[in-house]
């Protein structure tokens, strides 16, 4: 097989710049595997990059976005011992460099992937890596959430948020989540101890002090969140564009806030897989689209009303 389908853009702009085209099938080099993609996750960074925002300046055109993938290893480069041809895997290759996830094949270092649990359907696996690693690295690696701590998660029903609340619960935390009232039943199912309707309540008036704020909104929400952060606590603000203002606002109050950029992490992926296998983590898929309808998936995502993840089936 010499060619594959990929979603390619030749300019930055709206969803209509995403077109299906033929591309050469990539070959793995030393330490890399080639994955025949079965499904790919769609994330806010995808449509921001497509539009030329954020870190898009580092990418040349033509460009294929996408970092969340799951599929089957169909070739291995020299030195690979982690996987063999035929292994089902999921991962977040190359982030924040170009991975070309909206395509039929992807190559990347083997340690950018983990084995896909048998209990994890393809569509759910496609939505786990980027959002799951973002939550894991923030809550476990940075905040080091411990049993009994109080953790506030903003946008708790969103792509990252719904995974974050489950990871925090698995760590033994008391979890507070903000979301619209219609999603409070879902948050209860995910293990949230207290749900706050951000549309009708000021969370800083009803939430007792917390050890960790996981802010997935930024702006004025980030600054208001400092009102409920304990003096020895930590606030993690995403997206990264929002972090600088939050860090400065925290500094002036003698508090600690940080930003972060998620990175490929095979060990973290294995930890997420273990949570799936023990029934402590599930991935909510809001909507699926075929690969050729990537533009429609972006339009849907940019409406900002999703619960869980958007996935492209390949």
Protein backbone atom coordinates (compact mmCIF):
# COMPACT_ATOMS: atom_id res chain seq x y z
CA UNK A 1 0.00 0.00 0.00
CA UNK A 2 1.57 3.27 -1.14
CA UNK A 3 -1.16 5.83 -0.43
CA UNK A 4 -3.66 6.60 2.31
CA UNK A 5 -6.49 9.00 3.01
CA UNK A 6 -5.72 11.98 5.21
CA UNK A 7 -7.48 15.22 6.12
CA UNK A 8 -5.28 18.01 4.78
CA UNK A 9 -5.48 21.80 4.90
CA UNK A 10 -3.55 24.11 2.57
CA UNK A 11 -4.45 27.28 4.45
CA UNK A 12 -5.55 28.33 7.92
CA UNK A 13 -9.20 29.17 8.34
CA UNK A 14 -12.65 27.77 9.08
CA UNK A 15 -13.71 24.11 8.99
CA UNK A 16 -14.06 24.18 5.20
CA UNK A 17 -10.26 24.20 4.79
CA UNK A 18 -10.25 20.53 5.91
CA UNK A 19 -10.27 18.27 2.83
CA UNK A 20 -9.72 14.54 2.32
CA UNK A 21 -6.70 13.87 0.09
CA UNK A 22 -4.34 11.08 -0.82
CA UNK A 23 -0.97 11.02 0.93
CA UNK A 24 2.00 8.67 1.00
CA UNK A 25 1.88 6.04 3.74
CA UNK A 26 4.63 6.91 6.29
CA UNK A 27 7.39 4.43 7.10
CA UNK A 28 8.58 3.89 10.69
CA UNK A 29 12.23 4.58 11.48
CA UNK A 30 14.21 3.25 14.46
CA UNK A 31 12.16 3.13 17.71
CA UNK A 32 8.94 3.95 15.82
CA UNK A 33 5.79 1.98 15.11
CA UNK A 34 3.27 2.52 12.36
CA UNK A 35 -0.34 2.39 13.47
CA UNK A 36 -3.27 1.68 11.17
CA UNK A 37 -5.69 4.19 12.65
CA UNK A 38 -9.19 2.98 13.53
CA UNK A 39 -10.41 6.19 15.17
CA UNK A 40 -9.06 9.62 16.06
CA UNK A 41 -10.11 12.01 18.81
CA UNK A 42 -11.07 15.62 18.11
CA UNK A 43 -9.86 18.23 20.60
CA UNK A 44 -10.07 22.03 20.95
CA UNK A 45 -6.38 22.28 20.05
CA UNK A 46 -7.30 20.78 16.67
CA UNK A 47 -9.67 23.53 15.63
CA UNK A 48 -7.49 26.24 17.15
CA UNK A 49 -4.53 24.96 15.12
CA UNK A 50 -6.69 24.64 12.00
CA UNK A 51 -7.65 28.30 12.37
CA UNK A 52 -4.03 29.41 12.73
CA UNK A 53 -4.26 30.18 16.47
CA UNK A 54 -2.10 29.14 19.40
CA UNK A 55 1.01 27.23 18.37
CA UNK A 56 -0.10 26.95 14.75
CA UNK A 57 2.74 29.22 13.62
CA UNK A 58 5.20 26.35 14.16
CA UNK A 59 3.44 24.21 11.55
CA UNK A 60 4.07 24.55 7.85
CA UNK A 61 1.37 24.03 5.25
CA UNK A 62 -0.05 21.72 4.05
CA UNK A 63 -1.01 20.45 7.51
CA UNK A 64 -2.84 17.47 8.97
CA UNK A 65 -4.07 18.06 12.52
CA UNK A 66 -4.95 15.46 15.13
CA UNK A 67 -3.06 13.88 18.05
CA UNK A 68 -5.50 11.40 19.64
CA UNK A 69 -5.37 8.02 17.87
CA UNK A 70 -6.14 4.37 18.40
CA UNK A 71 -5.54 1.48 16.06
CA UNK A 72 -3.43 -1.57 15.33
CA UNK A 73 0.34 -1.71 14.92
CA UNK A 74 1.04 -2.78 11.33
CA UNK A 75 4.81 -2.17 11.12
CA UNK A 76 7.69 -1.67 13.58
CA UNK A 77 11.03 0.05 13.11
CA UNK A 78 14.40 -1.26 14.30
CA UNK A 79 14.81 -1.40 18.07
CA UNK A 80 11.14 -1.58 18.99
CA UNK A 81 10.47 -4.08 21.79
CA UNK A 82 7.35 -2.55 23.33
CA UNK A 83 4.91 -3.74 20.63
CA UNK A 84 4.57 -6.25 17.81
CA UNK A 85 2.59 -6.18 14.60
CA UNK A 86 -1.07 -6.81 15.42
CA UNK A 87 -1.09 -5.13 18.85
CA UNK A 88 -4.03 -2.82 19.52
CA UNK A 89 -2.76 0.51 20.89
CA UNK A 90 -3.84 4.04 21.77
CA UNK A 91 -1.76 7.15 22.20
CA UNK A 92 -1.03 10.84 21.74
CA UNK A 93 1.95 10.90 19.35
CA UNK A 94 4.33 13.83 18.98
CA UNK A 95 2.30 16.50 20.80
CA UNK A 96 2.74 19.47 20.45
CA UNK A 97 4.54 18.76 17.17
CA UNK A 98 2.56 17.62 14.14
CA UNK A 99 1.36 14.03 14.35
CA UNK A 100 -1.12 13.89 11.47
CA UNK A 101 -3.73 11.98 13.45
CA UNK A 102 -6.57 12.59 10.97
CA UNK A 103 -5.28 9.90 8.62
CA UNK A 104 -5.36 6.18 7.96
CA UNK A 105 -1.78 5.65 9.20
CA UNK A 106 0.46 7.36 11.77
CA UNK A 107 4.09 6.76 12.73
CA UNK A 108 5.60 7.75 16.09
CA UNK A 109 7.98 6.47 18.78
CA UNK A 110 6.64 3.32 20.40
CA UNK A 111 6.69 5.00 23.83
CA UNK A 112 4.05 7.46 22.66
CA UNK A 113 1.55 4.57 22.81
CA UNK A 114 0.17 1.98 25.23
CA UNK A 115 -1.76 -1.23 24.75
CA UNK A 116 -5.49 -0.67 24.39
CA UNK A 117 -7.44 -2.47 27.12
CA UNK A 118 -9.86 -5.13 25.88
CA UNK A 119 -12.61 -3.38 27.86
CA UNK A 120 -12.11 -0.10 25.99
CA UNK A 121 -14.12 0.27 22.75
CA UNK A 122 -12.32 1.82 19.81
CA UNK A 123 -14.33 5.06 19.88
CA UNK A 124 -13.63 5.57 23.59
CA UNK A 125 -9.93 4.76 23.19
CA UNK A 126 -9.68 7.43 20.51
CA UNK A 127 -10.88 10.06 22.95
CA UNK A 128 -8.78 9.06 25.95
CA UNK A 129 -5.14 9.92 25.31
CA UNK A 130 -4.86 13.71 25.01
CA UNK A 131 -7.59 14.60 27.49
CA UNK A 132 -6.66 11.76 29.83
CA UNK A 133 -2.96 12.59 29.87
CA UNK A 134 -3.75 16.27 30.36
CA UNK A 135 -5.77 15.40 33.46
CA UNK A 136 -3.31 12.78 34.72
CA UNK A 137 -0.23 14.95 34.37
CA UNK A 138 -1.96 17.89 36.05
CA UNK A 139 -3.59 16.08 38.96
CA UNK A 140 -1.07 13.31 39.61
CA UNK A 141 2.31 14.56 38.40
CA UNK A 142 1.91 18.26 39.26
CA UNK A 143 -0.71 18.53 42.02
CA UNK A 144 0.06 15.07 43.48
CA UNK A 145 -3.54 14.65 44.64
CA UNK A 146 -3.80 12.55 47.79
CA UNK A 147 -6.65 10.84 49.63
CA UNK A 148 -8.86 13.26 51.54
CA UNK A 149 -7.86 16.36 49.59
CA UNK A 150 -10.51 18.64 48.16
CA UNK A 151 -10.33 19.16 44.39
CA UNK A 152 -12.39 21.66 42.39
CA UNK A 153 -12.74 20.88 38.66
CA UNK A 154 -14.21 23.51 36.36
CA UNK A 155 -16.03 22.39 33.19
CA UNK A 156 -16.34 19.02 34.88
CA UNK A 157 -18.50 17.43 32.17
CA UNK A 158 -16.21 18.40 29.29
CA UNK A 159 -13.61 16.36 27.44
CA UNK A 160 -10.82 16.82 29.99
CA UNK A 161 -13.07 17.59 32.94
CA UNK A 162 -15.06 14.34 32.97
CA UNK A 163 -11.82 12.36 33.02
CA UNK A 164 -10.25 14.64 35.63
CA UNK A 165 -13.04 14.10 38.14
CA UNK A 166 -12.71 10.33 37.80
CA UNK A 167 -8.92 10.44 38.19
CA UNK A 168 -9.26 12.64 41.29
CA UNK A 169 -11.84 10.23 42.76
CA UNK A 170 -9.55 7.28 42.02
CA UNK A 171 -6.87 9.12 44.04
CA UNK A 172 -9.25 9.33 47.00
CA UNK A 173 -10.13 13.03 46.72
CA UNK A 174 -13.34 14.83 47.59
CA UNK A 175 -14.34 16.26 44.20
CA UNK A 176 -16.36 19.39 43.45
CA UNK A 177 -17.34 20.00 39.83
CA UNK A 178 -18.88 22.97 38.04
CA UNK A 179 -21.30 22.34 35.18
CA UNK A 180 -24.80 23.33 34.09
CA UNK A 181 -27.61 21.85 36.20
CA UNK A 182 -28.63 19.49 33.40
CA UNK A 183 -25.29 17.68 33.75
CA UNK A 184 -25.34 17.22 37.51
CA UNK A 185 -26.82 13.73 37.24
CA UNK A 186 -23.93 12.71 35.02
CA UNK A 187 -21.42 14.21 37.43
CA UNK A 188 -22.93 12.16 40.25
CA UNK A 189 -22.52 9.02 38.14
CA UNK A 190 -18.85 9.91 37.63
CA UNK A 191 -18.35 10.20 41.39
CA UNK A 192 -18.49 13.96 41.93
CA UNK A 193 -19.27 14.73 45.57
CA UNK A 194 -20.56 18.28 45.07
CA UNK A 195 -21.90 19.78 41.82
CA UNK A 196 -22.19 23.53 41.34
CA UNK A 197 -24.45 25.09 38.70
CA UNK A 198 -22.20 27.82 37.36
CA UNK A 199 -25.12 29.51 35.61
CA UNK A 200 -27.08 30.15 38.79
CA UNK A 201 -24.45 30.03 41.53
CA UNK A 202 -21.20 31.85 42.20
CA UNK A 203 -18.96 28.91 43.00
CA UNK A 204 -16.74 31.05 45.24
CA UNK A 205 -19.77 31.67 47.49
CA UNK A 206 -20.74 28.02 47.93
CA UNK A 207 -17.47 26.05 47.74
CA UNK A 208 -15.46 25.57 50.92
CA UNK A 209 -11.66 25.98 50.59
CA UNK A 210 -9.94 23.42 48.37
CA UNK A 211 -6.43 22.00 48.02
CA UNK A 212 -6.47 21.87 44.21
CA UNK A 213 -8.25 23.94 41.59
CA UNK A 214 -8.25 22.44 38.11
CA UNK A 215 -9.31 25.38 35.94
CA UNK A 216 -10.19 24.41 32.37
CA UNK A 217 -11.79 27.76 31.53
CA UNK A 218 -9.37 30.58 32.30
CA UNK A 219 -10.19 34.29 32.27
CA UNK A 220 -12.19 35.62 35.17
CA UNK A 221 -12.98 32.09 36.35
CA UNK A 222 -9.28 31.55 36.99
CA UNK A 223 -9.03 34.67 39.14
CA UNK A 224 -12.25 33.95 41.04
CA UNK A 225 -11.00 30.44 41.76
CA UNK A 226 -8.19 31.84 43.87
CA UNK A 227 -10.87 32.88 46.38
CA UNK A 228 -11.41 29.22 47.34
CA UNK A 229 -7.80 28.01 47.16
CA UNK A 230 -6.16 27.14 50.46
CA UNK A 231 -2.88 28.99 51.19
CA UNK A 232 -0.83 25.83 50.68
CA UNK A 233 -2.88 24.67 47.68
CA UNK A 234 -2.24 24.77 43.96
CA UNK A 235 -4.26 25.98 40.98
CA UNK A 236 -3.58 24.57 37.52
CA UNK A 237 -4.98 26.70 34.72
CA UNK A 238 -5.54 25.59 31.14
CA UNK A 239 -5.49 26.32 28.28
CA UNK A 240 -1.89 27.46 28.41
CA UNK A 241 -2.83 30.87 26.97
CA UNK A 242 -4.80 31.54 30.16
CA UNK A 243 -2.08 30.42 32.53
CA UNK A 244 0.11 33.54 32.58
CA UNK A 245 -2.65 35.79 33.92
CA UNK A 246 -3.66 33.20 36.52
CA UNK A 247 -0.07 32.71 37.66
CA UNK A 248 0.40 36.48 38.11
CA UNK A 249 -2.94 36.89 39.92
CA UNK A 250 -1.97 34.08 42.29
CA UNK A 251 1.48 35.54 42.91
CA UNK A 252 0.05 38.87 44.02
CA UNK A 253 -2.05 36.99 46.61
CA UNK A 254 0.79 34.81 47.83
CA UNK A 255 -0.78 31.72 46.24
CA UNK A 256 0.52 29.18 43.76
CA UNK A 257 -0.82 28.72 40.24
CA UNK A 258 0.81 27.02 37.27
CA UNK A 259 0.13 26.25 33.62
CA UNK A 260 1.25 23.20 31.69
CA UNK A 261 1.46 21.67 28.23
CA UNK A 262 0.68 17.96 28.00
CA UNK A 263 3.36 15.70 26.52
CA UNK A 264 3.50 12.13 25.20
CA UNK A 265 3.77 9.69 28.09
CA UNK A 266 3.56 5.93 27.64
CA UNK A 267 3.69 5.35 31.40
CA UNK A 268 0.79 7.75 31.96
CA UNK A 269 -1.21 5.99 29.25
CA UNK A 270 -0.65 2.67 31.02
CA UNK A 271 -1.92 4.19 34.27
CA UNK A 272 -5.06 5.38 32.46
CA UNK A 273 -5.51 1.93 30.93
CA UNK A 274 -5.26 0.37 34.40
CA UNK A 275 -8.03 2.65 35.67
CA UNK A 276 -10.20 1.57 32.73
CA UNK A 277 -9.53 -2.09 33.42
CA UNK A 278 -10.50 -1.73 37.09
CA UNK A 279 -13.71 0.12 36.24
CA UNK A 280 -12.63 3.44 37.73
CA UNK A 281 -12.41 5.39 34.47
CA UNK A 282 -14.77 5.58 31.53
CA UNK A 283 -14.66 7.78 28.46
CA UNK A 284 -17.84 9.53 27.40
CA UNK A 285 -18.21 9.94 23.63
CA UNK A 286 -20.59 12.74 22.71
CA UNK A 287 -20.61 12.25 18.94
CA UNK A 288 -18.78 10.36 16.19
CA UNK A 289 -18.16 11.40 12.59
CA UNK A 290 -16.52 9.56 9.68
CA UNK A 291 -13.01 10.78 8.81
CA UNK A 292 -14.21 12.52 5.65
CA UNK A 293 -16.60 14.61 7.79
CA UNK A 294 -13.83 16.15 9.91
CA UNK A 295 -15.09 19.63 9.02
CA UNK A 296 -18.50 18.78 10.49
CA UNK A 297 -16.81 17.45 13.64
CA UNK A 298 -14.99 20.77 14.04
CA UNK A 299 -18.18 22.75 13.55
CA UNK A 300 -19.87 20.67 16.22
CA UNK A 301 -16.98 21.05 18.64
CA UNK A 302 -16.74 24.79 18.19
CA UNK A 303 -20.33 25.16 19.39
CA UNK A 304 -18.91 24.49 22.85
CA UNK A 305 -21.73 22.31 24.14
CA UNK A 306 -20.18 18.85 24.08
CA UNK A 307 -20.33 16.42 26.98
CA UNK A 308 -17.28 14.22 26.78
CA UNK A 309 -15.43 13.63 23.52
CA UNK A 310 -15.84 13.96 19.75
CA UNK A 311 -14.36 11.14 17.67
CA UNK A 312 -13.60 10.49 14.00
CA UNK A 313 -13.99 6.91 12.82
CA UNK A 314 -11.48 5.90 10.15
